[in-house]
């Protein structure tokens, strides 16, 4: 998925926050959920997320969340970003271990 922040290199922090909210809404619509977020009340939540995970990290969390969630919602995302981060981290670590083990098995079979 292509996100708006990638095309805009020189955005202010406030613009990044509003673009992130817009991208989240777009992702919701792509899942068939028509949910409008109040950008002025939710900007504080996005700012806190960006301080914790950086802008790129927030987009990675959002991408992972939309990949694994059947019914994504903004409220769940903002309140449970730490759980999403932990699950993503566990999945990434598992992928690394499995890749290493596959390579070891290939080497052993040679």
N, C-alpha and C. Protein backbone atom coordinates (compact mmCIF):
# COMPACT_ATOMS: atom_id res chain seq x y z
N UNK A 1 0.85 -1.18 0.00
CA UNK A 1 0.00 0.00 0.00
C UNK A 1 0.88 1.23 0.00
N UNK A 2 0.50 2.22 -0.73
CA UNK A 2 1.24 3.46 -0.81
C UNK A 2 0.62 4.48 0.13
N UNK A 3 1.46 5.04 0.98
CA UNK A 3 0.96 6.02 1.94
C UNK A 3 1.41 7.41 1.56
N UNK A 4 0.64 8.40 1.95
CA UNK A 4 0.86 9.79 1.56
C UNK A 4 2.17 10.34 2.11
N UNK A 5 2.61 9.89 3.27
CA UNK A 5 3.79 10.48 3.88
C UNK A 5 5.03 10.20 3.06
N UNK A 6 5.02 9.16 2.25
CA UNK A 6 6.20 8.82 1.47
C UNK A 6 6.48 9.84 0.37
N UNK A 7 5.44 10.46 -0.16
CA UNK A 7 5.62 11.42 -1.23
C UNK A 7 5.93 12.83 -0.72
N UNK A 8 5.62 13.08 0.50
CA UNK A 8 5.83 14.41 1.08
C UNK A 8 7.02 14.36 2.03
N UNK A 9 8.17 14.86 1.57
CA UNK A 9 9.38 14.82 2.39
C UNK A 9 9.45 15.96 3.40
N UNK A 10 8.92 17.11 3.05
CA UNK A 10 9.07 18.30 3.90
C UNK A 10 7.75 18.67 4.56
N UNK A 11 7.22 17.79 5.36
CA UNK A 11 5.98 18.09 6.06
C UNK A 11 6.30 18.51 7.50
N UNK A 12 5.47 19.39 8.02
CA UNK A 12 5.61 19.74 9.42
C UNK A 12 5.04 18.60 10.26
N UNK A 13 5.31 18.62 11.52
CA UNK A 13 4.80 17.59 12.43
C UNK A 13 3.28 17.55 12.41
N UNK A 14 2.65 18.72 12.39
CA UNK A 14 1.20 18.80 12.37
C UNK A 14 0.64 18.21 11.07
N UNK A 15 1.30 18.48 9.95
CA UNK A 15 0.86 17.91 8.68
C UNK A 15 1.00 16.39 8.69
N UNK A 16 2.10 15.90 9.24
CA UNK A 16 2.31 14.45 9.33
C UNK A 16 1.20 13.78 10.13
N UNK A 17 0.78 14.43 11.20
CA UNK A 17 -0.29 13.89 12.03
C UNK A 17 -1.58 13.78 11.23
N UNK A 18 -1.93 14.82 10.53
CA UNK A 18 -3.19 14.83 9.76
C UNK A 18 -3.12 13.86 8.57
N UNK A 19 -1.95 13.74 7.96
CA UNK A 19 -1.79 12.78 6.86
C UNK A 19 -1.91 11.35 7.39
N UNK A 20 -1.36 11.09 8.56
CA UNK A 20 -1.47 9.76 9.15
C UNK A 20 -2.94 9.42 9.41
N UNK A 21 -3.69 10.35 9.95
CA UNK A 21 -5.12 10.12 10.19
C UNK A 21 -5.84 9.86 8.87
N UNK A 22 -5.52 10.63 7.84
CA UNK A 22 -6.14 10.42 6.52
C UNK A 22 -5.80 9.04 5.97
N UNK A 23 -4.55 8.63 6.12
CA UNK A 23 -4.14 7.31 5.63
C UNK A 23 -4.82 6.19 6.41
N UNK A 24 -5.03 6.40 7.69
CA UNK A 24 -5.75 5.40 8.49
C UNK A 24 -7.19 5.29 8.00
N UNK A 25 -7.82 6.45 7.74
CA UNK A 25 -9.19 6.44 7.23
C UNK A 25 -9.27 5.74 5.86
N UNK A 26 -8.29 6.00 4.99
CA UNK A 26 -8.26 5.33 3.68
C UNK A 26 -8.15 3.82 3.84
N UNK A 27 -7.30 3.39 4.77
CA UNK A 27 -7.14 1.96 5.01
C UNK A 27 -8.43 1.34 5.53
N UNK A 28 -9.14 2.08 6.39
CA UNK A 28 -10.43 1.60 6.87
C UNK A 28 -11.41 1.44 5.72
N UNK A 29 -11.47 2.44 4.85
CA UNK A 29 -12.38 2.37 3.70
C UNK A 29 -12.04 1.20 2.79
N UNK A 30 -10.75 0.90 2.63
CA UNK A 30 -10.35 -0.24 1.80
C UNK A 30 -10.81 -1.56 2.41
N UNK A 31 -10.97 -1.59 3.72
CA UNK A 31 -11.49 -2.78 4.40
C UNK A 31 -13.01 -2.79 4.44
N UNK A 32 -13.63 -1.75 3.87
CA UNK A 32 -15.08 -1.68 3.84
C UNK A 32 -15.70 -1.04 5.07
N UNK A 33 -14.90 -0.33 5.84
CA UNK A 33 -15.39 0.33 7.06
C UNK A 33 -15.39 1.83 6.81
N UNK A 34 -16.57 2.43 6.86
CA UNK A 34 -16.69 3.87 6.62
C UNK A 34 -16.75 4.58 7.97
N UNK A 35 -15.58 4.90 8.50
CA UNK A 35 -15.49 5.51 9.82
C UNK A 35 -14.70 6.81 9.69
N UNK A 36 -15.30 7.92 10.05
CA UNK A 36 -14.62 9.21 10.00
C UNK A 36 -14.05 9.52 11.38
N UNK A 37 -12.80 9.93 11.39
CA UNK A 37 -12.15 10.28 12.65
C UNK A 37 -12.16 11.80 12.81
N UNK A 38 -12.33 12.25 14.02
CA UNK A 38 -12.23 13.67 14.31
C UNK A 38 -10.75 14.00 14.46
N UNK A 39 -10.18 14.61 13.43
CA UNK A 39 -8.73 14.83 13.40
C UNK A 39 -8.25 15.74 14.53
N UNK A 40 -9.09 16.62 14.99
CA UNK A 40 -8.64 17.56 16.01
C UNK A 40 -8.61 16.93 17.40
N UNK A 41 -9.47 15.97 17.65
CA UNK A 41 -9.39 15.29 18.94
C UNK A 41 -8.38 14.14 18.89
N UNK A 42 -8.21 13.53 17.73
CA UNK A 42 -7.31 12.38 17.62
C UNK A 42 -5.86 12.77 17.35
N UNK A 43 -5.61 14.03 17.06
CA UNK A 43 -4.24 14.43 16.78
C UNK A 43 -3.33 14.23 17.99
N UNK A 44 -3.88 14.29 19.18
CA UNK A 44 -3.07 14.09 20.39
C UNK A 44 -2.65 12.63 20.51
N UNK A 45 -3.56 11.73 20.14
CA UNK A 45 -3.23 10.31 20.18
C UNK A 45 -2.16 9.99 19.14
N UNK A 46 -2.27 10.57 17.96
CA UNK A 46 -1.27 10.32 16.91
C UNK A 46 0.08 10.90 17.32
N UNK A 47 0.06 12.07 17.93
CA UNK A 47 1.30 12.68 18.39
C UNK A 47 2.00 11.78 19.41
N UNK A 48 1.23 11.22 20.33
CA UNK A 48 1.80 10.32 21.33
C UNK A 48 2.35 9.05 20.66
N UNK A 49 1.62 8.53 19.68
CA UNK A 49 2.11 7.35 18.96
C UNK A 49 3.41 7.65 18.22
N UNK A 50 3.47 8.83 17.60
CA UNK A 50 4.68 9.21 16.86
C UNK A 50 5.86 9.41 17.79
N UNK A 51 5.60 9.89 18.99
CA UNK A 51 6.69 10.06 19.96
C UNK A 51 7.20 8.70 20.44
N UNK A 52 6.31 7.73 20.52
CA UNK A 52 6.70 6.40 20.99
C UNK A 52 7.34 5.55 19.90
N UNK A 53 6.81 5.62 18.67
CA UNK A 53 7.22 4.67 17.63
C UNK A 53 7.81 5.32 16.38
N UNK A 54 7.94 6.61 16.30
CA UNK A 54 8.34 7.39 15.12
C UNK A 54 7.27 7.29 14.04
N UNK A 55 7.36 8.16 13.06
CA UNK A 55 6.37 8.19 11.99
C UNK A 55 6.41 6.89 11.18
N UNK A 56 7.62 6.48 10.78
CA UNK A 56 7.74 5.24 10.02
C UNK A 56 7.25 4.04 10.82
N UNK A 57 7.56 4.03 12.11
CA UNK A 57 7.10 2.95 12.97
C UNK A 57 5.59 2.89 13.07
N UNK A 58 4.96 4.05 13.12
CA UNK A 58 3.49 4.10 13.17
C UNK A 58 2.89 3.52 11.89
N UNK A 59 3.50 3.85 10.76
CA UNK A 59 3.01 3.30 9.49
C UNK A 59 3.22 1.79 9.42
N UNK A 60 4.34 1.31 9.95
CA UNK A 60 4.58 -0.13 9.99
C UNK A 60 3.55 -0.83 10.87
N UNK A 61 3.26 -0.23 12.02
CA UNK A 61 2.24 -0.79 12.91
C UNK A 61 0.87 -0.80 12.24
N UNK A 62 0.54 0.30 11.56
CA UNK A 62 -0.75 0.39 10.89
C UNK A 62 -0.84 -0.66 9.79
N UNK A 63 0.21 -0.84 9.01
CA UNK A 63 0.20 -1.82 7.94
C UNK A 63 0.02 -3.24 8.50
N UNK A 64 0.76 -3.55 9.55
CA UNK A 64 0.63 -4.86 10.19
C UNK A 64 -0.77 -5.06 10.77
N UNK A 65 -1.29 -4.02 11.43
CA UNK A 65 -2.61 -4.10 12.04
C UNK A 65 -3.69 -4.39 10.99
N UNK A 66 -3.63 -3.70 9.87
CA UNK A 66 -4.63 -3.93 8.83
C UNK A 66 -4.46 -5.28 8.15
N UNK A 67 -3.26 -5.81 8.21
CA UNK A 67 -3.01 -7.13 7.62
C UNK A 67 -3.61 -8.24 8.48
N UNK A 68 -3.56 -8.09 9.80
CA UNK A 68 -3.99 -9.17 10.69
C UNK A 68 -5.39 -8.99 11.28
N UNK A 69 -5.92 -7.79 11.27
CA UNK A 69 -7.21 -7.55 11.91
C UNK A 69 -8.36 -7.74 10.92
N UNK A 70 -9.38 -8.45 11.35
CA UNK A 70 -10.56 -8.63 10.52
C UNK A 70 -11.47 -7.40 10.58
N UNK A 71 -11.54 -6.78 11.74
CA UNK A 71 -12.39 -5.59 11.92
C UNK A 71 -11.57 -4.48 12.59
N UNK A 72 -10.70 -3.83 11.83
CA UNK A 72 -9.87 -2.78 12.44
C UNK A 72 -10.69 -1.57 12.87
N UNK A 73 -10.22 -0.94 13.93
CA UNK A 73 -10.85 0.30 14.38
C UNK A 73 -9.77 1.21 14.94
N UNK A 74 -10.00 2.50 14.84
CA UNK A 74 -9.05 3.48 15.33
C UNK A 74 -8.89 3.39 16.84
N UNK A 75 -10.00 3.24 17.54
CA UNK A 75 -9.95 3.21 19.01
C UNK A 75 -9.08 2.05 19.49
N UNK A 76 -9.26 0.87 18.87
CA UNK A 76 -8.46 -0.28 19.28
C UNK A 76 -7.00 -0.05 18.93
N UNK A 77 -6.75 0.49 17.75
CA UNK A 77 -5.37 0.74 17.31
C UNK A 77 -4.64 1.67 18.27
N UNK A 78 -5.26 2.81 18.58
CA UNK A 78 -4.55 3.79 19.43
C UNK A 78 -4.39 3.30 20.87
N UNK A 79 -5.36 2.53 21.37
CA UNK A 79 -5.27 2.05 22.75
C UNK A 79 -4.39 0.83 22.93
N UNK A 80 -4.11 0.12 21.83
CA UNK A 80 -3.36 -1.13 21.93
C UNK A 80 -2.15 -1.17 21.01
N UNK A 81 -1.59 -0.03 20.69
CA UNK A 81 -0.43 0.02 19.81
C UNK A 81 0.74 -0.78 20.39
N UNK A 82 0.87 -0.79 21.70
CA UNK A 82 1.94 -1.57 22.31
C UNK A 82 1.77 -3.07 22.06
N UNK A 83 0.54 -3.56 22.09
CA UNK A 83 0.28 -4.97 21.80
C UNK A 83 0.57 -5.29 20.34
N UNK A 84 0.22 -4.36 19.45
CA UNK A 84 0.50 -4.55 18.03
C UNK A 84 2.01 -4.58 17.82
N UNK A 85 2.72 -3.68 18.48
CA UNK A 85 4.18 -3.64 18.36
C UNK A 85 4.80 -4.95 18.84
N UNK A 86 4.35 -5.44 19.98
CA UNK A 86 4.90 -6.70 20.51
C UNK A 86 4.61 -7.87 19.57
N UNK A 87 3.39 -7.94 19.06
CA UNK A 87 3.03 -9.03 18.14
C UNK A 87 3.85 -8.95 16.87
N UNK A 88 4.04 -7.76 16.36
CA UNK A 88 4.84 -7.58 15.14
C UNK A 88 6.29 -7.95 15.41
N UNK A 89 6.80 -7.56 16.55
CA UNK A 89 8.19 -7.89 16.92
C UNK A 89 8.37 -9.41 17.04
N UNK A 90 7.42 -10.07 17.68
CA UNK A 90 7.49 -11.53 17.81
C UNK A 90 7.45 -12.19 16.44
N UNK A 91 6.57 -11.70 15.57
CA UNK A 91 6.47 -12.27 14.22
C UNK A 91 7.77 -12.06 13.45
N UNK A 92 8.36 -10.87 13.55
CA UNK A 92 9.61 -10.59 12.85
C UNK A 92 10.75 -11.46 13.36
N UNK A 93 10.83 -11.62 14.68
CA UNK A 93 11.87 -12.47 15.25
C UNK A 93 11.67 -13.93 14.84
N UNK A 94 10.42 -14.38 14.83
CA UNK A 94 10.12 -15.75 14.41
C UNK A 94 10.53 -15.96 12.96
N UNK A 95 10.26 -14.97 12.12
CA UNK A 95 10.63 -15.06 10.71
C UNK A 95 12.15 -15.19 10.56
N UNK A 96 12.91 -14.40 11.33
CA UNK A 96 14.37 -14.47 11.27
C UNK A 96 14.88 -15.86 11.68
N UNK A 97 14.34 -16.38 12.77
CA UNK A 97 14.76 -17.70 13.26
C UNK A 97 14.42 -18.78 12.25
N UNK A 98 13.22 -18.72 11.70
CA UNK A 98 12.82 -19.72 10.71
C UNK A 98 13.65 -19.63 9.44
N UNK A 99 13.99 -18.43 9.02
CA UNK A 99 14.86 -18.26 7.85
C UNK A 99 16.23 -18.86 8.10
N UNK A 100 16.76 -18.61 9.27
CA UNK A 100 18.06 -19.17 9.64
C UNK A 100 18.00 -20.70 9.66
N UNK A 101 16.94 -21.24 10.24
CA UNK A 101 16.81 -22.70 10.31
C UNK A 101 16.63 -23.31 8.92
N UNK A 102 15.88 -22.64 8.05
CA UNK A 102 15.74 -23.13 6.67
C UNK A 102 17.09 -23.16 5.97
N UNK A 103 17.87 -22.11 6.17
CA UNK A 103 19.20 -22.05 5.55
C UNK A 103 20.09 -23.16 6.10
N UNK A 104 20.01 -23.38 7.40
CA UNK A 104 20.80 -24.46 8.02
C UNK A 104 20.40 -25.82 7.44
N UNK A 105 19.10 -26.03 7.24
CA UNK A 105 18.61 -27.29 6.68
C UNK A 105 19.08 -27.46 5.24
N UNK A 106 19.04 -26.38 4.46
CA UNK A 106 19.53 -26.45 3.07
C UNK A 106 21.01 -26.80 3.04
N UNK A 107 21.78 -26.15 3.91
CA UNK A 107 23.20 -26.44 3.96
C UNK A 107 23.46 -27.89 4.37
N UNK A 108 22.67 -28.39 5.29
CA UNK A 108 22.84 -29.74 5.78
C UNK A 108 22.50 -30.76 4.67
N UNK A 109 21.50 -30.44 3.83
CA UNK A 109 21.10 -31.35 2.77
C UNK A 109 22.03 -31.33 1.56
N UNK A 110 22.92 -30.38 1.48
CA UNK A 110 23.85 -30.30 0.34
C UNK A 110 24.88 -31.38 0.36
